[in-house]
């Protein structure tokens, strides 16, 4: 009889152990895996939909175009010389900053990248892949067949899920090129701006 109780007790302990192990495994499986996807992008960030170049006149060109402003009259028959200098905006080879904002209670957040891309693209979006603790964001610009040279600054936002309070490496690219790495430590801050210092 004693042996029977002993066997029953052992069976109960084994059942309890298996149930606890299964429950722990289920909880681990319920934990969302780190991942992400394209969320949204801004319209052109130049003010007033703004121009991609600035026209600058030298003092001599200004005088030729608008006339002598000192009071002396200028012949109306004089040929106006309007040679101008077109100054393109300075375009960085890769973003110098990214913005991030996370809610660790849900493990979700966003990472925003900034790029100068075509004013009239066919599409602009991002893809997100994960390798261990590295989040790789590839910002993609697809051009129209007859796209011009006009450029605009865009904010491209990627959604991230499964994040925890630990360190991550964020690798940002455009069209699979110009990888730029940032170190993100969510145990210290869940929102802010990261600066790439290797320019």
Protein backbone atom coordinates (compact mmCIF):
# COMPACT_ATOMS: atom_id res chain seq x y z
CA UNK A 1 0.00 0.00 0.00
CA UNK A 2 2.84 2.30 0.86
CA UNK A 3 4.32 1.63 -2.57
CA UNK A 4 1.02 2.57 -4.18
CA UNK A 5 1.00 5.97 -2.42
CA UNK A 6 4.65 6.46 -3.36
CA UNK A 7 3.88 5.80 -7.05
CA UNK A 8 0.85 8.07 -6.93
CA UNK A 9 2.95 10.84 -5.39
CA UNK A 10 5.63 10.45 -8.05
CA UNK A 11 2.99 10.51 -10.78
CA UNK A 12 1.51 13.70 -9.31
CA UNK A 13 4.93 15.42 -9.15
CA UNK A 14 5.72 14.42 -12.73
CA UNK A 15 2.36 15.75 -13.91
CA UNK A 16 2.91 19.01 -12.03
CA UNK A 17 6.40 19.39 -13.51
CA UNK A 18 5.15 18.77 -17.05
CA UNK A 19 2.26 21.21 -16.63
CA UNK A 20 4.61 23.92 -15.31
CA UNK A 21 7.09 23.33 -18.16
CA UNK A 22 4.33 23.52 -20.77
CA UNK A 23 2.95 26.73 -19.27
CA UNK A 24 6.42 28.32 -19.26
CA UNK A 25 6.96 27.28 -22.88
CA UNK A 26 3.58 28.72 -23.91
CA UNK A 27 4.44 32.05 -22.26
CA UNK A 28 7.77 32.17 -24.09
CA UNK A 29 6.03 31.44 -27.39
CA UNK A 30 3.46 34.17 -26.68
CA UNK A 31 6.28 36.74 -26.42
CA UNK A 32 6.34 38.67 -29.70
CA UNK A 33 9.43 38.18 -31.82
CA UNK A 34 11.41 41.30 -32.73
CA UNK A 35 10.30 42.59 -36.13
CA UNK A 36 9.10 45.58 -38.07
CA UNK A 37 7.56 47.00 -41.25
CA UNK A 38 7.04 50.23 -43.19
CA UNK A 39 4.55 52.53 -41.48
CA UNK A 40 4.36 55.85 -43.36
CA UNK A 41 6.32 58.61 -45.05
CA UNK A 42 5.93 62.38 -45.09
CA UNK A 43 5.31 64.61 -48.06
CA UNK A 44 8.20 66.82 -49.15
CA UNK A 45 9.52 68.60 -46.04
CA UNK A 46 10.57 71.76 -47.88
CA UNK A 47 8.41 74.71 -46.92
CA UNK A 48 5.71 75.66 -49.47
CA UNK A 49 6.35 72.48 -51.41
CA UNK A 50 9.48 74.22 -52.08
CA UNK A 51 11.97 74.49 -54.70
CA UNK A 52 14.93 72.21 -54.94
CA UNK A 53 17.31 74.99 -55.93
CA UNK A 54 18.05 78.63 -55.11
CA UNK A 55 18.88 81.23 -57.73
CA UNK A 56 21.66 83.60 -56.68
CA UNK A 57 22.80 86.71 -58.56
CA UNK A 58 26.18 88.37 -58.21
CA UNK A 59 26.12 92.16 -57.49
CA UNK A 60 27.01 92.84 -61.14
CA UNK A 61 24.26 90.54 -62.42
CA UNK A 62 21.78 92.12 -59.99
CA UNK A 63 22.66 95.60 -61.29
CA UNK A 64 22.39 94.48 -64.90
CA UNK A 65 18.99 92.90 -64.28
CA UNK A 66 17.37 95.49 -61.99
CA UNK A 67 19.27 98.60 -63.03
CA UNK A 68 21.62 100.85 -61.11
CA UNK A 69 19.98 101.48 -57.75
CA UNK A 70 22.25 104.47 -56.99
CA UNK A 71 19.97 106.89 -58.85
CA UNK A 72 21.80 106.95 -62.18
CA UNK A 73 19.53 106.03 -65.02
CA UNK A 74 20.34 103.08 -67.17
CA UNK A 75 19.52 102.82 -70.83
CA UNK A 76 16.40 100.82 -71.40
CA UNK A 77 18.04 99.50 -74.52
CA UNK A 78 20.85 97.91 -72.55
CA UNK A 79 20.92 94.15 -72.92
CA UNK A 80 20.09 92.43 -69.66
CA UNK A 81 22.58 89.74 -68.76
CA UNK A 82 20.90 87.15 -66.55
CA UNK A 83 23.50 84.46 -66.09
CA UNK A 84 22.56 82.82 -62.80
CA UNK A 85 24.13 80.34 -60.46
CA UNK A 86 21.95 77.39 -59.49
CA UNK A 87 22.74 76.21 -55.98
CA UNK A 88 21.58 72.69 -55.16
CA UNK A 89 20.90 71.79 -51.50
CA UNK A 90 23.70 69.98 -49.73
CA UNK A 91 22.66 66.33 -49.72
CA UNK A 92 24.09 63.97 -47.13
CA UNK A 93 25.22 60.54 -48.35
CA UNK A 94 23.28 58.93 -45.49
CA UNK A 95 21.06 60.21 -42.69
CA UNK A 96 22.97 61.86 -39.86
CA UNK A 97 20.15 61.31 -37.36
CA UNK A 98 17.24 59.01 -36.68
CA UNK A 99 14.37 59.59 -34.25
CA UNK A 100 12.93 56.79 -32.12
CA UNK A 101 9.94 56.40 -29.80
CA UNK A 102 9.05 53.16 -27.96
CA UNK A 103 6.48 51.91 -25.45
CA UNK A 104 8.14 49.01 -23.63
CA UNK A 105 4.87 47.94 -21.98
CA UNK A 106 3.76 46.77 -25.45
CA UNK A 107 7.21 46.41 -27.03
CA UNK A 108 6.17 48.60 -29.95
CA UNK A 109 7.72 51.74 -31.34
CA UNK A 110 8.77 53.73 -34.39
CA UNK A 111 12.07 54.68 -35.99
CA UNK A 112 12.12 57.70 -38.32
CA UNK A 113 14.80 58.21 -40.99
CA UNK A 114 15.41 61.33 -43.11
CA UNK A 115 16.55 61.34 -46.74
CA UNK A 116 16.78 63.61 -49.74
CA UNK A 117 14.96 61.75 -52.50
CA UNK A 118 13.08 62.52 -55.72
CA UNK A 119 10.37 65.21 -55.62
CA UNK A 120 8.21 63.06 -57.89
CA UNK A 121 8.84 59.41 -56.96
CA UNK A 122 6.84 56.42 -58.05
CA UNK A 123 7.02 55.19 -54.42
CA UNK A 124 9.05 55.59 -51.24
CA UNK A 125 8.86 53.00 -48.47
CA UNK A 126 11.02 50.87 -46.15
CA UNK A 127 11.64 47.21 -45.39
CA UNK A 128 12.67 45.97 -41.94
CA UNK A 129 14.66 42.80 -41.23
CA UNK A 130 16.13 41.51 -37.98
CA UNK A 131 19.36 39.61 -37.32
CA UNK A 132 19.67 38.88 -33.60
CA UNK A 133 19.70 42.31 -31.90
CA UNK A 134 20.31 44.18 -35.17
CA UNK A 135 17.36 45.98 -36.79
CA UNK A 136 18.06 46.66 -40.49
CA UNK A 137 15.94 49.36 -42.12
CA UNK A 138 16.26 49.65 -45.89
CA UNK A 139 14.58 52.80 -47.23
CA UNK A 140 13.60 52.28 -50.85
CA UNK A 141 13.00 54.90 -53.53
CA UNK A 142 11.41 53.78 -56.80
CA UNK A 143 11.62 56.40 -59.53
CA UNK A 144 9.22 57.14 -62.35
CA UNK A 145 10.54 56.48 -65.84
CA UNK A 146 11.07 60.17 -66.66
CA UNK A 147 11.84 61.45 -63.15
CA UNK A 148 13.64 64.80 -63.04
CA UNK A 149 16.56 65.89 -60.86
CA UNK A 150 14.40 67.66 -58.27
CA UNK A 151 14.97 66.45 -54.70
CA UNK A 152 13.03 66.79 -51.46
CA UNK A 153 13.68 65.83 -47.88
CA UNK A 154 11.41 63.03 -46.59
CA UNK A 155 10.72 61.43 -43.22
CA UNK A 156 10.31 57.66 -43.58
CA UNK A 157 8.79 55.93 -40.55
CA UNK A 158 9.15 52.23 -39.74
CA UNK A 159 7.09 50.40 -37.12
CA UNK A 160 8.95 48.06 -34.72
CA UNK A 161 7.49 45.38 -32.42
CA UNK A 162 8.87 42.89 -29.90
CA UNK A 163 11.37 45.40 -28.46
CA UNK A 164 12.72 45.02 -24.91
CA UNK A 165 14.70 47.19 -22.49
CA UNK A 166 18.12 46.33 -23.92
CA UNK A 167 20.68 47.39 -26.54
CA UNK A 168 20.05 47.18 -30.27
CA UNK A 169 22.08 48.06 -33.35
CA UNK A 170 20.08 49.99 -35.93
CA UNK A 171 21.46 49.76 -39.48
CA UNK A 172 19.89 52.21 -41.91
CA UNK A 173 20.31 52.06 -45.70
CA UNK A 174 18.82 53.57 -48.83
CA UNK A 175 18.19 51.23 -51.77
CA UNK A 176 20.38 48.62 -50.07
CA UNK A 177 23.41 50.95 -50.03
CA UNK A 178 25.20 53.40 -47.71
CA UNK A 179 24.70 51.46 -44.44
CA UNK A 180 24.83 53.68 -41.36
CA UNK A 181 24.85 52.12 -37.87
CA UNK A 182 23.39 53.54 -34.67
CA UNK A 183 23.47 52.11 -31.15
CA UNK A 184 20.08 52.16 -29.41
CA UNK A 185 19.88 51.35 -25.67
CA UNK A 186 16.20 51.09 -24.69
CA UNK A 187 17.19 50.31 -21.08
CA UNK A 188 18.32 53.95 -20.81
CA UNK A 189 15.84 55.86 -22.98
CA UNK A 190 12.70 54.97 -24.93
CA UNK A 191 12.57 58.10 -27.08
CA UNK A 192 15.00 60.55 -28.58
CA UNK A 193 17.40 61.16 -31.44
CA UNK A 194 20.49 59.15 -32.37
CA UNK A 195 23.33 60.87 -34.20
CA UNK A 196 25.75 59.18 -36.56
CA UNK A 197 29.16 60.63 -35.65
CA UNK A 198 31.36 59.22 -38.44
CA UNK A 199 30.82 61.90 -41.07
